[in-house]
Amino acid sequence: MPVSGKNIRAVDYDPISHYIYWIEGRSHSIKRCCEVSLLANSGQPFDIAIDINGRLLFWTCS
């Protein structure tokens, strides 16, 4: 199913938890399936990557 009407900047997949993470450009947040993690006062998220060994989520801001 295509995603439309979203300002998605980056996407990554966690093969262990089977979650898809993405950065929503309009709300400046990182989302996972139906959950939202807001990044208060931390700039605008630009890119995202998952470390499947350390179970960490990394992101950069522009």
PDB file of N, CA and C in Angstrom:
ATOM      1  N   MET A   1       0.849  -1.181   0.000  1.00  0.00           N
ATOM      2  CA  MET A   1       0.000   0.000   0.000  1.00  0.00           C
ATOM      3  C   MET A   1       0.889   1.237   0.000  1.00  0.00           C
ATOM      4  N   PRO A   2       0.766   2.098  -0.979  1.00  0.00           N
ATOM      5  CA  PRO A   2       1.619   3.291  -1.039  1.00  0.00           C
ATOM      6  C   PRO A   2       1.249   4.312   0.025  1.00  0.00           C
ATOM      7  N   VAL A   3       2.246   5.059   0.456  1.00  0.00           N
ATOM      8  CA  VAL A   3       2.028   6.132   1.423  1.00  0.00           C
ATOM      9  C   VAL A   3       1.932   7.433   0.644  1.00  0.00           C
ATOM     10  N   SER A   4       0.845   8.149   0.830  1.00  0.00           N
ATOM     11  CA  SER A   4       0.678   9.412   0.114  1.00  0.00           C
ATOM     12  C   SER A   4       0.363  10.524   1.111  1.00  0.00           C
ATOM     13  N   GLY A   5       0.705  11.738   0.725  1.00  0.00           N
ATOM     14  CA  GLY A   5       0.416  12.880   1.579  1.00  0.00           C
ATOM     15  C   GLY A   5       1.349  13.011   2.761  1.00  0.00           C
ATOM     16  N   LYS A   6       2.464  12.303   2.751  1.00  0.00           N
ATOM     17  CA  LYS A   6       3.420  12.359   3.853  1.00  0.00           C
ATOM     18  C   LYS A   6       4.710  12.972   3.344  1.00  0.00           C
ATOM     19  N   ASN A   7       5.439  13.597   4.233  1.00  0.00           N
ATOM     20  CA  ASN A   7       6.738  14.166   3.905  1.00  0.00           C
ATOM     21  C   ASN A   7       7.806  13.275   4.551  1.00  0.00           C
ATOM     22  N   ILE A   8       8.007  12.096   3.993  1.00  0.00           N
ATOM     23  CA  ILE A   8       8.929  11.116   4.556  1.00  0.00           C
ATOM     24  C   ILE A   8      10.331  11.408   4.054  1.00  0.00           C
ATOM     25  N   ARG A   9      11.277  11.545   4.993  1.00  0.00           N
ATOM     26  CA  ARG A   9      12.654  11.897   4.645  1.00  0.00           C
ATOM     27  C   ARG A   9      13.580  10.699   4.622  1.00  0.00           C
ATOM     28  N   ALA A  10      13.382   9.724   5.497  1.00  0.00           N
ATOM     29  CA  ALA A  10      14.254   8.550   5.552  1.00  0.00           C
ATOM     30  C   ALA A  10      13.460   7.381   6.117  1.00  0.00           C
ATOM     31  N   VAL A  11      13.843   6.174   5.713  1.00  0.00           N
ATOM     32  CA  VAL A  11      13.157   4.957   6.157  1.00  0.00           C
ATOM     33  C   VAL A  11      14.209   3.902   6.463  1.00  0.00           C
ATOM     34  N   ASP A  12      13.973   3.116   7.527  1.00  0.00           N
ATOM     35  CA  ASP A  12      14.823   1.964   7.811  1.00  0.00           C
ATOM     36  C   ASP A  12      13.956   0.862   8.401  1.00  0.00           C
ATOM     37  N   TYR A  13      14.425  -0.375   8.261  1.00  0.00           N
ATOM     38  CA  TYR A  13      13.678  -1.549   8.707  1.00  0.00           C
ATOM     39  C   TYR A  13      14.510  -2.302   9.720  1.00  0.00           C
ATOM     40  N   ASP A  14      13.875  -2.715  10.825  1.00  0.00           N
ATOM     41  CA  ASP A  14      14.529  -3.528  11.848  1.00  0.00           C
ATOM     42  C   ASP A  14      14.105  -4.971  11.642  1.00  0.00           C
ATOM     43  N   PRO A  15      15.001  -5.837  11.143  1.00  0.00           N
ATOM     44  CA  PRO A  15      14.620  -7.216  10.849  1.00  0.00           C
ATOM     45  C   PRO A  15      14.372  -8.072  12.087  1.00  0.00           C
ATOM     46  N   ILE A  16      14.793  -7.606  13.248  1.00  0.00           N
ATOM     47  CA  ILE A  16      14.572  -8.384  14.473  1.00  0.00           C
ATOM     48  C   ILE A  16      13.185  -8.113  15.048  1.00  0.00           C
ATOM     49  N   SER A  17      12.833  -6.830  15.180  1.00  0.00           N
ATOM     50  CA  SER A  17      11.514  -6.496  15.734  1.00  0.00           C
ATOM     51  C   SER A  17      10.447  -6.410  14.653  1.00  0.00           C
ATOM     52  N   HIS A  18      10.879  -6.368  13.384  1.00  0.00           N
ATOM     53  CA  HIS A  18       9.987  -6.253  12.223  1.00  0.00           C
ATOM     54  C   HIS A  18       9.232  -4.922  12.193  1.00  0.00           C
ATOM     55  N   TYR A  19       9.831  -3.884  12.766  1.00  0.00           N
ATOM     56  CA  TYR A  19       9.260  -2.549  12.706  1.00  0.00           C
ATOM     57  C   TYR A  19       9.890  -1.773  11.565  1.00  0.00           C
ATOM     58  N   ILE A  20       9.120  -0.897  10.964  1.00  0.00           N
ATOM     59  CA  ILE A  20       9.632   0.060  10.001  1.00  0.00           C
ATOM     60  C   ILE A  20       9.653   1.415  10.694  1.00  0.00           C
ATOM     61  N   TYR A  21      10.803   2.088  10.627  1.00  0.00           N
ATOM     62  CA  TYR A  21      10.968   3.418  11.207  1.00  0.00           C
ATOM     63  C   TYR A  21      11.074   4.423  10.076  1.00  0.00           C
ATOM     64  N   TRP A  22      10.522   5.610  10.276  1.00  0.00           N
ATOM     65  CA  TRP A  22      10.661   6.653   9.271  1.00  0.00           C
ATOM     66  C   TRP A  22      10.667   8.017   9.937  1.00  0.00           C
ATOM     67  N   ILE A  23      11.219   8.988   9.207  1.00  0.00           N
ATOM     68  CA  ILE A  23      11.225  10.372   9.678  1.00  0.00           C
ATOM     69  C   ILE A  23      10.133  11.125   8.937  1.00  0.00           C
ATOM     70  N   GLU A  24       9.234  11.712   9.688  1.00  0.00           N
ATOM     71  CA  GLU A  24       8.152  12.533   9.145  1.00  0.00           C
ATOM     72  C   GLU A  24       8.630  13.977   9.154  1.00  0.00           C
ATOM     73  N   GLY A  25       8.820  14.534   7.968  1.00  0.00           N
ATOM     74  CA  GLY A  25       9.400  15.863   7.833  1.00  0.00           C
ATOM     75  C   GLY A  25       8.530  16.992   8.333  1.00  0.00           C
ATOM     76  N   ARG A  26       7.227  16.888   8.202  1.00  0.00           N
ATOM     77  CA  ARG A  26       6.349  17.995   8.620  1.00  0.00           C
ATOM     78  C   ARG A  26       6.286  18.136  10.130  1.00  0.00           C
ATOM     79  N   SER A  27       6.220  17.020  10.843  1.00  0.00           N
ATOM     80  CA  SER A  27       6.117  17.085  12.303  1.00  0.00           C
ATOM     81  C   SER A  27       7.472  16.969  12.979  1.00  0.00           C
ATOM     82  N   HIS A  28       8.538  16.770  12.184  1.00  0.00           N
ATOM     83  CA  HIS A  28       9.903  16.620  12.711  1.00  0.00           C
ATOM     84  C   HIS A  28       9.943  15.529  13.776  1.00  0.00           C
ATOM     85  N   SER A  29       9.426  14.364  13.437  1.00  0.00           N
ATOM     86  CA  SER A  29       9.371  13.264  14.390  1.00  0.00           C
ATOM     87  C   SER A  29       9.809  11.961  13.736  1.00  0.00           C
ATOM     88  N   ILE A  30      10.207  11.018  14.578  1.00  0.00           N
ATOM     89  CA  ILE A  30      10.521   9.669  14.132  1.00  0.00           C
ATOM     90  C   ILE A  30       9.330   8.793  14.493  1.00  0.00           C
ATOM     91  N   LYS A  31       8.851   8.028  13.526  1.00  0.00           N
ATOM     92  CA  LYS A  31       7.672   7.194  13.762  1.00  0.00           C
ATOM     93  C   LYS A  31       8.017   5.723  13.546  1.00  0.00           C
ATOM     94  N   ARG A  32       7.290   4.874  14.256  1.00  0.00           N
ATOM     95  CA  ARG A  32       7.457   3.429  14.143  1.00  0.00           C
ATOM     96  C   ARG A  32       6.064   2.829  14.138  1.00  0.00           C
ATOM     97  N   CYS A  33       5.717   2.207  13.048  1.00  0.00           N
ATOM     98  CA  CYS A  33       4.358   1.652  12.896  1.00  0.00           C
ATOM     99  C   CYS A  33       3.336   2.681  13.348  1.00  0.00           C
ATOM    100  N   CYS A  34       2.666   2.424  14.453  1.00  0.00           N
ATOM    101  CA  CYS A  34       1.623   3.335  14.928  1.00  0.00           C
ATOM    102  C   CYS A  34       2.073   4.163  16.121  1.00  0.00           C
ATOM    103  N   GLU A  35       3.342   4.058  16.496  1.00  0.00           N
ATOM    104  CA  GLU A  35       3.840   4.815  17.639  1.00  0.00           C
ATOM    105  C   GLU A  35       4.654   5.995  17.148  1.00  0.00           C
ATOM    106  N   VAL A  36       4.671   7.059  17.946  1.00  0.00           N
ATOM    107  CA  VAL A  36       5.372   8.277  17.560  1.00  0.00           C
ATOM    108  C   VAL A  36       6.366   8.636  18.648  1.00  0.00           C
ATOM    109  N   SER A  37       7.593   8.986  18.256  1.00  0.00           N
ATOM    110  CA  SER A  37       8.601   9.521  19.171  1.00  0.00           C
ATOM    111  C   SER A  37       8.912  10.940  18.724  1.00  0.00           C
ATOM    112  N   LEU A  38       8.523  11.913  19.525  1.00  0.00           N
ATOM    113  CA  LEU A  38       8.793  13.305  19.181  1.00  0.00           C
ATOM    114  C   LEU A  38      10.170  13.692  19.684  1.00  0.00           C
ATOM    115  N   LEU A  39      10.856  14.482  18.911  1.00  0.00           N
ATOM    116  CA  LEU A  39      12.197  14.921  19.255  1.00  0.00           C
ATOM    117  C   LEU A  39      12.140  16.397  19.631  1.00  0.00           C
ATOM    118  N   ALA A  40      11.815  16.680  20.861  1.00  0.00           N
ATOM    119  CA  ALA A  40      11.652  18.062  21.306  1.00  0.00           C
ATOM    120  C   ALA A  40      13.000  18.773  21.364  1.00  0.00           C
ATOM    121  N   ASN A  41      13.058  19.960  20.768  1.00  0.00           N
ATOM    122  CA  ASN A  41      14.242  20.823  20.800  1.00  0.00           C
ATOM    123  C   ASN A  41      15.503  20.132  20.315  1.00  0.00           C
ATOM    124  N   SER A  42      15.395  19.253  19.341  1.00  0.00           N
ATOM    125  CA  SER A  42      16.582  18.548  18.862  1.00  0.00           C
ATOM    126  C   SER A  42      16.790  18.741  17.372  1.00  0.00           C
ATOM    127  N   GLY A  43      16.310  19.821  16.821  1.00  0.00           N
ATOM    128  CA  GLY A  43      16.518  20.096  15.415  1.00  0.00           C
ATOM    129  C   GLY A  43      15.520  19.375  14.539  1.00  0.00           C
ATOM    130  N   GLN A  44      15.881  19.261  13.289  1.00  0.00           N
ATOM    131  CA  GLN A  44      15.011  18.587  12.329  1.00  0.00           C
ATOM    132  C   GLN A  44      15.663  17.284  11.910  1.00  0.00           C
ATOM    133  N   PRO A  45      15.079  16.131  12.232  1.00  0.00           N
ATOM    134  CA  PRO A  45      15.666  14.853  11.834  1.00  0.00           C
ATOM    135  C   PRO A  45      15.859  14.794  10.322  1.00  0.00           C
ATOM    136  N   PHE A  46      16.998  14.235   9.904  1.00  0.00           N
ATOM    137  CA  PHE A  46      17.338  14.204   8.491  1.00  0.00           C
ATOM    138  C   PHE A  46      17.512  12.783   7.968  1.00  0.00           C
ATOM    139  N   ASP A  47      18.186  11.923   8.731  1.00  0.00           N
ATOM    140  CA  ASP A  47      18.436  10.552   8.293  1.00  0.00           C
ATOM    141  C   ASP A  47      18.333   9.618   9.483  1.00  0.00           C
ATOM    142  N   ILE A  48      18.142   8.331   9.219  1.00  0.00           N
ATOM    143  CA  ILE A  48      17.879   7.362  10.273  1.00  0.00           C
ATOM    144  C   ILE A  48      18.535   6.030   9.923  1.00  0.00           C
ATOM    145  N   ALA A  49      19.027   5.319  10.952  1.00  0.00           N
ATOM    146  CA  ALA A  49      19.622   3.993  10.752  1.00  0.00           C
ATOM    147  C   ALA A  49      19.458   3.178  12.018  1.00  0.00           C
ATOM    148  N   ILE A  50      19.299   1.872  11.860  1.00  0.00           N
ATOM    149  CA  ILE A  50      19.130   0.965  12.990  1.00  0.00           C
ATOM    150  C   ILE A  50      20.340   0.059  13.088  1.00  0.00           C
ATOM    151  N   ASP A  51      20.925  -0.031  14.302  1.00  0.00           N
ATOM    152  CA  ASP A  51      22.004  -0.965  14.594  1.00  0.00           C
ATOM    153  C   ASP A  51      21.351  -2.229  15.136  1.00  0.00           C
ATOM    154  N   ILE A  52      21.247  -3.268  14.297  1.00  0.00           N
ATOM    155  CA  ILE A  52      20.517  -4.464  14.719  1.00  0.00           C
ATOM    156  C   ILE A  52      21.279  -5.268  15.765  1.00  0.00           C
ATOM    157  N   ASN A  53      22.584  -5.099  15.860  1.00  0.00           N
ATOM    158  CA  ASN A  53      23.356  -5.817  16.876  1.00  0.00           C
ATOM    159  C   ASN A  53      23.234  -5.159  18.244  1.00  0.00           C
ATOM    160  N   GLY A  54      23.394  -3.845  18.293  1.00  0.00           N
ATOM    161  CA  GLY A  54      23.314  -3.117  19.559  1.00  0.00           C
ATOM    162  C   GLY A  54      21.911  -2.705  19.939  1.00  0.00           C
ATOM    163  N   ARG A  55      20.931  -2.913  19.009  1.00  0.00           N
ATOM    164  CA  ARG A  55      19.527  -2.576  19.229  1.00  0.00           C
ATOM    165  C   ARG A  55      19.369  -1.077  19.489  1.00  0.00           C
ATOM    166  N   LEU A  56      20.083  -0.259  18.691  1.00  0.00           N
ATOM    167  CA  LEU A  56      20.043   1.185  18.833  1.00  0.00           C
ATOM    168  C   LEU A  56      19.475   1.820  17.563  1.00  0.00           C
ATOM    169  N   LEU A  57      18.811   2.937  17.743  1.00  0.00           N
ATOM    170  CA  LEU A  57      18.290   3.732  16.637  1.00  0.00           C
ATOM    171  C   LEU A  57      19.121   5.011  16.582  1.00  0.00           C
ATOM    172  N   PHE A  58      19.744   5.262  15.428  1.00  0.00           N
ATOM    173  CA  PHE A  58      20.554   6.458  15.240  1.00  0.00           C
ATOM    174  C   PHE A  58      19.846   7.394  14.279  1.00  0.00           C
ATOM    175  N   TRP A  59      19.968   8.688  14.526  1.00  0.00           N
ATOM    176  CA  TRP A  59      19.426   9.664  13.595  1.00  0.00           C
ATOM    177  C   TRP A  59      20.336  10.879  13.561  1.00  0.00           C
ATOM    178  N   THR A  60      20.265  11.610  12.459  1.00  0.00           N
ATOM    179  CA  THR A  60      21.023  12.838  12.301  1.00  0.00           C
ATOM    180  C   THR A  60      20.064  13.989  12.053  1.00  0.00           C
ATOM    181  N   CYS A  61      20.518  15.191  12.342  1.00  0.00           N
ATOM    182  CA  CYS A  61      19.700  16.359  12.034  1.00  0.00           C
ATOM    183  C   CYS A  61      20.406  17.192  10.978  1.00  0.00           C
ATOM    184  N   SER A  62      19.628  17.978  10.266  1.00  0.00           N
ATOM    185  CA  SER A  62      20.191  18.765   9.163  1.00  0.00           C
ATOM    186  C   SER A  62      20.837  20.035   9.621  1.00  0.00           C
TER     187      SER A  62
END
